[in-house]
Amino acid sequence: MSEDANKRGAAGSGSSSDEELIAVARVVKVRGVRGEVAAHLLTDFPERFNGLDELIAIDAKGVHERLAIEKSWLHGGRVIFKFAGYESPEAAHALVGRELAVPESDAVELDEDEFYDWQLIDCRVETIDKRKLGRVTEVLHTGAAPVLVIKDVEREHLIPLAESICVEVDPAAKLIRVDPPEGLLEI
């Protein structure tokens, strides 16, 4: 899942909560003459913007600004936003490059056996016989199944996130148990 793939702390200026933030879009350019912006989607769920009243803009320094959404719509594979207080192209230019986020509690709910990439990052990985393999550092999306990049002090493992291999995935406990087929860990 790429939706809400980027997770950021909410401790920056302008934030009143310690809740983690989930990036759902990134402003790429100003659009039109009314202060609208076009944003690249960082979500597999573009419908999440329907009825959304507010987003949190995060700049390169980690400073947060709450933005009231006046209008939003999908256009050409991007989402267009008109935010309150940004009435001209010059004003809207200040938003270019910022990530747009929602609180973690507003992440789209997934089925029980689905996970966001950010939920898997830093999970401990061990085999079913308790052999420690390391921690998930990245989730690659290259083909049929996502691939977990697992690193420890000595080496890196690439393990497909497939039910037959990842027999227990518990993001709350930050633990993934695997039953790797013969030879997978030697690759």
C-alpha atoms as a PDB file:
ATOM      1  CA  MET A   1       0.000   0.000   0.000  1.00  0.00           C
ATOM      2  CA  SER A   2       1.345   3.400  -0.819  1.00  0.00           C
ATOM      3  CA  GLU A   3      -1.465   5.297   0.887  1.00  0.00           C
ATOM      4  CA  ASP A   4      -0.170   7.310   3.740  1.00  0.00           C
ATOM      5  CA  ALA A   5       3.256   5.866   3.223  1.00  0.00           C
ATOM      6  CA  ASN A   6       5.086   8.723   4.887  1.00  0.00           C
ATOM      7  CA  LYS A   7       4.653   9.110   8.603  1.00  0.00           C
ATOM      8  CA  ARG A   8       5.895  12.190  10.450  1.00  0.00           C
ATOM      9  CA  GLY A   9       5.892  13.351  14.041  1.00  0.00           C
ATOM     10  CA  ALA A  10       3.480  16.130  14.862  1.00  0.00           C
ATOM     11  CA  ALA A  11       5.733  18.022  17.236  1.00  0.00           C
ATOM     12  CA  GLY A  12       6.383  20.922  14.860  1.00  0.00           C
ATOM     13  CA  SER A  13       5.162  24.470  15.233  1.00  0.00           C
ATOM     14  CA  GLY A  14       1.463  24.979  14.741  1.00  0.00           C
ATOM     15  CA  SER A  15       0.550  21.498  15.952  1.00  0.00           C
ATOM     16  CA  SER A  16      -1.511  21.054  19.066  1.00  0.00           C
ATOM     17  CA  SER A  17      -1.256  17.287  19.220  1.00  0.00           C
ATOM     18  CA  ASP A  18       1.425  14.698  19.782  1.00  0.00           C
ATOM     19  CA  GLU A  19      -0.332  12.402  17.285  1.00  0.00           C
ATOM     20  CA  GLU A  20       1.687  11.200  14.303  1.00  0.00           C
ATOM     21  CA  LEU A  21       0.844  12.658  10.911  1.00  0.00           C
ATOM     22  CA  ILE A  22       0.399  10.697   7.688  1.00  0.00           C
ATOM     23  CA  ALA A  23       1.319  12.392   4.397  1.00  0.00           C
ATOM     24  CA  VAL A  24      -1.410  11.954   1.783  1.00  0.00           C
ATOM     25  CA  ALA A  25      -0.311  14.453  -0.917  1.00  0.00           C
ATOM     26  CA  ARG A  26       2.558  16.766  -1.899  1.00  0.00           C
ATOM     27  CA  VAL A  27       1.955  20.179  -3.465  1.00  0.00           C
ATOM     28  CA  VAL A  28       3.790  20.329  -6.801  1.00  0.00           C
ATOM     29  CA  LYS A  29       2.605  23.564  -8.413  1.00  0.00           C
ATOM     30  CA  VAL A  30       0.277  26.514  -8.396  1.00  0.00           C
ATOM     31  CA  ARG A  31      -2.737  26.143 -10.666  1.00  0.00           C
ATOM     32  CA  GLY A  32      -4.908  28.936 -12.029  1.00  0.00           C
ATOM     33  CA  VAL A  33      -5.356  32.500 -10.827  1.00  0.00           C
ATOM     34  CA  ARG A  34      -7.440  31.912  -7.674  1.00  0.00           C
ATOM     35  CA  GLY A  35      -4.708  30.485  -5.443  1.00  0.00           C
ATOM     36  CA  GLU A  36      -5.349  26.826  -6.229  1.00  0.00           C
ATOM     37  CA  VAL A  37      -2.587  24.231  -6.051  1.00  0.00           C
ATOM     38  CA  ALA A  38      -2.051  20.857  -7.718  1.00  0.00           C
ATOM     39  CA  ALA A  39      -0.780  18.042  -5.521  1.00  0.00           C
ATOM     40  CA  HIS A  40       0.751  14.644  -6.258  1.00  0.00           C
ATOM     41  CA  LEU A  41      -1.223  11.863  -4.563  1.00  0.00           C
ATOM     42  CA  LEU A  42       0.569   9.868  -1.864  1.00  0.00           C
ATOM     43  CA  THR A  43      -2.466   7.686  -1.311  1.00  0.00           C
ATOM     44  CA  ASP A  44      -4.169   4.761  -2.993  1.00  0.00           C
ATOM     45  CA  PHE A  45      -7.467   6.261  -1.801  1.00  0.00           C
ATOM     46  CA  PRO A  46      -8.071   9.576  -3.615  1.00  0.00           C
ATOM     47  CA  GLU A  47     -11.686   9.498  -2.437  1.00  0.00           C
ATOM     48  CA  ARG A  48     -10.319  10.273   1.048  1.00  0.00           C
ATOM     49  CA  PHE A  49     -10.415  13.973   0.097  1.00  0.00           C
ATOM     50  CA  ASN A  50     -14.210  13.955  -0.438  1.00  0.00           C
ATOM     51  CA  GLY A  51     -15.744  15.855   2.447  1.00  0.00           C
ATOM     52  CA  LEU A  52     -12.378  16.507   4.122  1.00  0.00           C
ATOM     53  CA  ASP A  53     -12.368  19.924   5.807  1.00  0.00           C
ATOM     54  CA  GLU A  54      -8.718  20.313   6.756  1.00  0.00           C
ATOM     55  CA  LEU A  55      -5.174  19.180   5.999  1.00  0.00           C
ATOM     56  CA  ILE A  56      -1.901  19.883   7.742  1.00  0.00           C
ATOM     57  CA  ALA A  57       0.859  21.325   5.536  1.00  0.00           C
ATOM     58  CA  ILE A  58       4.405  20.380   6.549  1.00  0.00           C
ATOM     59  CA  ASP A  59       7.341  22.374   5.182  1.00  0.00           C
ATOM     60  CA  ALA A  60      10.951  21.216   4.745  1.00  0.00           C
ATOM     61  CA  LYS A  61      11.826  22.368   8.280  1.00  0.00           C
ATOM     62  CA  GLY A  62       8.967  20.351   9.795  1.00  0.00           C
ATOM     63  CA  VAL A  63       6.788  23.375  10.546  1.00  0.00           C
ATOM     64  CA  HIS A  64       3.064  22.589  10.448  1.00  0.00           C
ATOM     65  CA  GLU A  65       0.203  24.759   9.260  1.00  0.00           C
ATOM     66  CA  ARG A  66      -3.449  23.773   9.406  1.00  0.00           C
ATOM     67  CA  LEU A  67      -5.189  24.489   6.097  1.00  0.00           C
ATOM     68  CA  ALA A  68      -8.953  24.771   5.714  1.00  0.00           C
ATOM     69  CA  ILE A  69     -10.056  23.207   2.424  1.00  0.00           C
ATOM     70  CA  GLU A  70     -12.548  25.326   0.491  1.00  0.00           C
ATOM     71  CA  LYS A  71     -12.666  22.948  -2.499  1.00  0.00           C
ATOM     72  CA  SER A  72     -10.846  19.895  -3.807  1.00  0.00           C
ATOM     73  CA  TRP A  73     -11.197  17.745  -6.902  1.00  0.00           C
ATOM     74  CA  LEU A  74      -9.245  15.212  -8.942  1.00  0.00           C
ATOM     75  CA  HIS A  75      -7.800  16.328 -12.260  1.00  0.00           C
ATOM     76  CA  GLY A  76      -5.284  14.554 -14.500  1.00  0.00           C
ATOM     77  CA  GLY A  77      -4.036  12.122 -11.868  1.00  0.00           C
ATOM     78  CA  ARG A  78      -3.538  14.860  -9.262  1.00  0.00           C
ATOM     79  CA  VAL A  79      -5.713  16.453  -6.637  1.00  0.00           C
ATOM     80  CA  ILE A  80      -6.439  20.176  -6.880  1.00  0.00           C
ATOM     81  CA  PHE A  81      -6.974  22.167  -3.677  1.00  0.00           C
ATOM     82  CA  LYS A  82      -8.272  25.620  -2.935  1.00  0.00           C
ATOM     83  CA  PHE A  83      -7.305  26.521   0.635  1.00  0.00           C
ATOM     84  CA  ALA A  84      -8.808  29.362   2.673  1.00  0.00           C
ATOM     85  CA  GLY A  85      -6.470  32.340   2.930  1.00  0.00           C
ATOM     86  CA  TYR A  86      -4.611  31.551  -0.285  1.00  0.00           C
ATOM     87  CA  GLU A  87      -6.375  33.807  -2.770  1.00  0.00           C
ATOM     88  CA  SER A  88      -3.672  34.428  -5.388  1.00  0.00           C
ATOM     89  CA  PRO A  89      -1.029  32.450  -7.272  1.00  0.00           C
ATOM     90  CA  GLU A  90       1.644  34.378  -5.374  1.00  0.00           C
ATOM     91  CA  ALA A  91       0.197  33.378  -1.995  1.00  0.00           C
ATOM     92  CA  ALA A  92      -0.333  29.756  -3.082  1.00  0.00           C
ATOM     93  CA  HIS A  93       3.283  29.516  -4.252  1.00  0.00           C
ATOM     94  CA  ALA A  94       4.283  29.320  -0.562  1.00  0.00           C
ATOM     95  CA  LEU A  95       2.642  25.861  -0.450  1.00  0.00           C
ATOM     96  CA  VAL A  96       4.692  24.335  -3.295  1.00  0.00           C
ATOM     97  CA  GLY A  97       6.866  21.505  -1.989  1.00  0.00           C
ATOM     98  CA  ARG A  98       4.911  21.011   1.225  1.00  0.00           C
ATOM     99  CA  GLU A  99       3.508  17.657   2.208  1.00  0.00           C
ATOM    100  CA  LEU A 100      -0.179  17.568   3.093  1.00  0.00           C
ATOM    101  CA  ALA A 101      -1.012  15.285   5.984  1.00  0.00           C
ATOM    102  CA  VAL A 102      -3.783  13.972   8.197  1.00  0.00           C
ATOM    103  CA  PRO A 103      -3.544  12.688  11.776  1.00  0.00           C
ATOM    104  CA  GLU A 104      -2.806   8.956  11.997  1.00  0.00           C
ATOM    105  CA  SER A 105      -6.277   8.431  13.490  1.00  0.00           C
ATOM    106  CA  ASP A 106      -7.725   9.627  10.150  1.00  0.00           C
ATOM    107  CA  ALA A 107      -5.856   7.041   8.033  1.00  0.00           C
ATOM    108  CA  VAL A 108      -8.215   5.020   5.838  1.00  0.00           C
ATOM    109  CA  GLU A 109      -9.057   1.767   7.617  1.00  0.00           C
ATOM    110  CA  LEU A 110      -7.755  -1.342   5.896  1.00  0.00           C
ATOM    111  CA  ASP A 111      -8.901  -4.939   6.028  1.00  0.00           C
ATOM    112  CA  GLU A 112      -7.469  -7.040   8.846  1.00  0.00           C
ATOM    113  CA  ASP A 113      -4.775  -8.601   6.633  1.00  0.00           C
ATOM    114  CA  GLU A 114      -3.683  -5.309   4.987  1.00  0.00           C
ATOM    115  CA  PHE A 115      -1.054  -2.921   6.283  1.00  0.00           C
ATOM    116  CA  TYR A 116       0.403   0.459   5.474  1.00  0.00           C
ATOM    117  CA  ASP A 117       4.111   0.562   4.720  1.00  0.00           C
ATOM    118  CA  TRP A 118       4.701   2.851   7.705  1.00  0.00           C
ATOM    119  CA  GLN A 119       3.134   0.262  10.013  1.00  0.00           C
ATOM    120  CA  LEU A 120       5.725  -2.313   8.933  1.00  0.00           C
ATOM    121  CA  ILE A 121       8.810  -0.086   9.117  1.00  0.00           C
ATOM    122  CA  ASP A 122      10.946  -0.911  12.177  1.00  0.00           C
ATOM    123  CA  CYS A 123       9.079  -4.154  12.912  1.00  0.00           C
ATOM    124  CA  ARG A 124      11.310  -6.887  14.338  1.00  0.00           C
ATOM    125  CA  VAL A 125      11.434  -9.913  12.056  1.00  0.00           C
ATOM    126  CA  GLU A 126      12.077 -13.415  13.298  1.00  0.00           C
ATOM    127  CA  THR A 127      11.538 -16.923  11.991  1.00  0.00           C
ATOM    128  CA  ILE A 128       8.888 -19.189  13.481  1.00  0.00           C
ATOM    129  CA  ASP A 129      11.677 -20.900  15.473  1.00  0.00           C
ATOM    130  CA  LYS A 130      12.629 -17.476  16.981  1.00  0.00           C
ATOM    131  CA  ARG A 131      15.775 -16.799  14.883  1.00  0.00           C
ATOM    132  CA  LYS A 132      16.139 -13.010  14.784  1.00  0.00           C
ATOM    133  CA  LEU A 133      16.593 -11.629  11.257  1.00  0.00           C
ATOM    134  CA  GLY A 134      16.600  -7.881  11.891  1.00  0.00           C
ATOM    135  CA  ARG A 135      14.177  -4.985  11.415  1.00  0.00           C
ATOM    136  CA  VAL A 136      12.153  -3.841   8.411  1.00  0.00           C
ATOM    137  CA  THR A 137      13.818  -0.743   6.943  1.00  0.00           C
ATOM    138  CA  GLU A 138      11.841  -0.420   3.729  1.00  0.00           C
ATOM    139  CA  VAL A 139       8.948  -1.909   1.780  1.00  0.00           C
ATOM    140  CA  LEU A 140       9.556  -2.302  -1.966  1.00  0.00           C
ATOM    141  CA  HIS A 141       6.687  -2.461  -4.438  1.00  0.00           C
ATOM    142  CA  THR A 142       8.157  -4.249  -7.433  1.00  0.00           C
ATOM    143  CA  GLY A 143       5.699  -6.879  -8.558  1.00  0.00           C
ATOM    144  CA  ALA A 144       2.994  -9.216  -7.325  1.00  0.00           C
ATOM    145  CA  ALA A 145       3.809  -8.947  -3.617  1.00  0.00           C
ATOM    146  CA  PRO A 146       5.551  -6.168  -1.706  1.00  0.00           C
ATOM    147  CA  VAL A 147       9.061  -7.067  -0.535  1.00  0.00           C
ATOM    148  CA  LEU A 148      10.295  -6.359   2.990  1.00  0.00           C
ATOM    149  CA  VAL A 149      13.876  -5.110   3.257  1.00  0.00           C
ATOM    150  CA  ILE A 150      15.145  -6.493   6.549  1.00  0.00           C
ATOM    151  CA  LYS A 151      18.502  -5.401   7.934  1.00  0.00           C
ATOM    152  CA  ASP A 152      20.556  -6.450  10.882  1.00  0.00           C
ATOM    153  CA  VAL A 153      24.147  -5.638  11.776  1.00  0.00           C
ATOM    154  CA  GLU A 154      25.612  -8.227   9.397  1.00  0.00           C
ATOM    155  CA  ARG A 155      23.327  -8.483   6.379  1.00  0.00           C
ATOM    156  CA  GLU A 156      20.185  -7.610   4.504  1.00  0.00           C
ATOM    157  CA  HIS A 157      17.312  -9.948   3.639  1.00  0.00           C
ATOM    158  CA  LEU A 158      14.602  -9.432   1.031  1.00  0.00           C
ATOM    159  CA  ILE A 159      11.452 -11.276   2.012  1.00  0.00           C
ATOM    160  CA  PRO A 160       8.166 -11.184   0.067  1.00  0.00           C
ATOM    161  CA  LEU A 161       5.208  -9.990   2.104  1.00  0.00           C
ATOM    162  CA  ALA A 162       3.200 -13.092   1.214  1.00  0.00           C
ATOM    163  CA  GLU A 163       0.829 -14.909   3.568  1.00  0.00           C
ATOM    164  CA  SER A 164       2.642 -18.193   3.000  1.00  0.00           C
ATOM    165  CA  ILE A 165       5.941 -16.643   4.192  1.00  0.00           C
ATOM    166  CA  CYS A 166       4.912 -13.896   6.624  1.00  0.00           C
ATOM    167  CA  VAL A 167       2.738 -16.068   8.813  1.00  0.00           C
ATOM    168  CA  GLU A 168       2.242 -13.480  11.578  1.00  0.00           C
ATOM    169  CA  VAL A 169       2.206  -9.717  11.063  1.00  0.00           C
ATOM    170  CA  ASP A 170       1.510  -7.712  14.208  1.00  0.00           C
ATOM    171  CA  PRO A 171       2.232  -4.003  13.643  1.00  0.00           C
ATOM    172  CA  ALA A 172       0.969  -3.113  17.134  1.00  0.00           C
ATOM    173  CA  ALA A 173       3.639  -5.364  18.665  1.00  0.00           C
ATOM    174  CA  LYS A 174       6.139  -4.343  15.930  1.00  0.00           C
ATOM    175  CA  LEU A 175       6.699  -8.030  15.126  1.00  0.00           C
ATOM    176  CA  ILE A 176       6.641 -10.120  11.943  1.00  0.00           C
ATOM    177  CA  ARG A 177       7.176 -13.886  12.089  1.00  0.00           C
ATOM    178  CA  VAL A 178       8.247 -15.615   8.914  1.00  0.00           C
ATOM    179  CA  ASP A 179       8.363 -19.204   7.702  1.00  0.00           C
ATOM    180  CA  PRO A 180      10.813 -18.796   4.822  1.00  0.00           C
ATOM    181  CA  PRO A 181      11.056 -21.450   2.132  1.00  0.00           C
ATOM    182  CA  GLU A 182      14.358 -23.280   1.994  1.00  0.00           C
ATOM    183  CA  GLY A 183      17.128 -21.123   0.582  1.00  0.00           C
ATOM    184  CA  LEU A 184      15.346 -17.756   0.870  1.00  0.00           C
ATOM    185  CA  LEU A 185      17.551 -16.519   3.711  1.00  0.00           C
ATOM    186  CA  GLU A 186      20.732 -17.593   1.917  1.00  0.00           C
ATOM    187  CA  ILE A 187      20.054 -15.366  -1.102  1.00  0.00           C
END
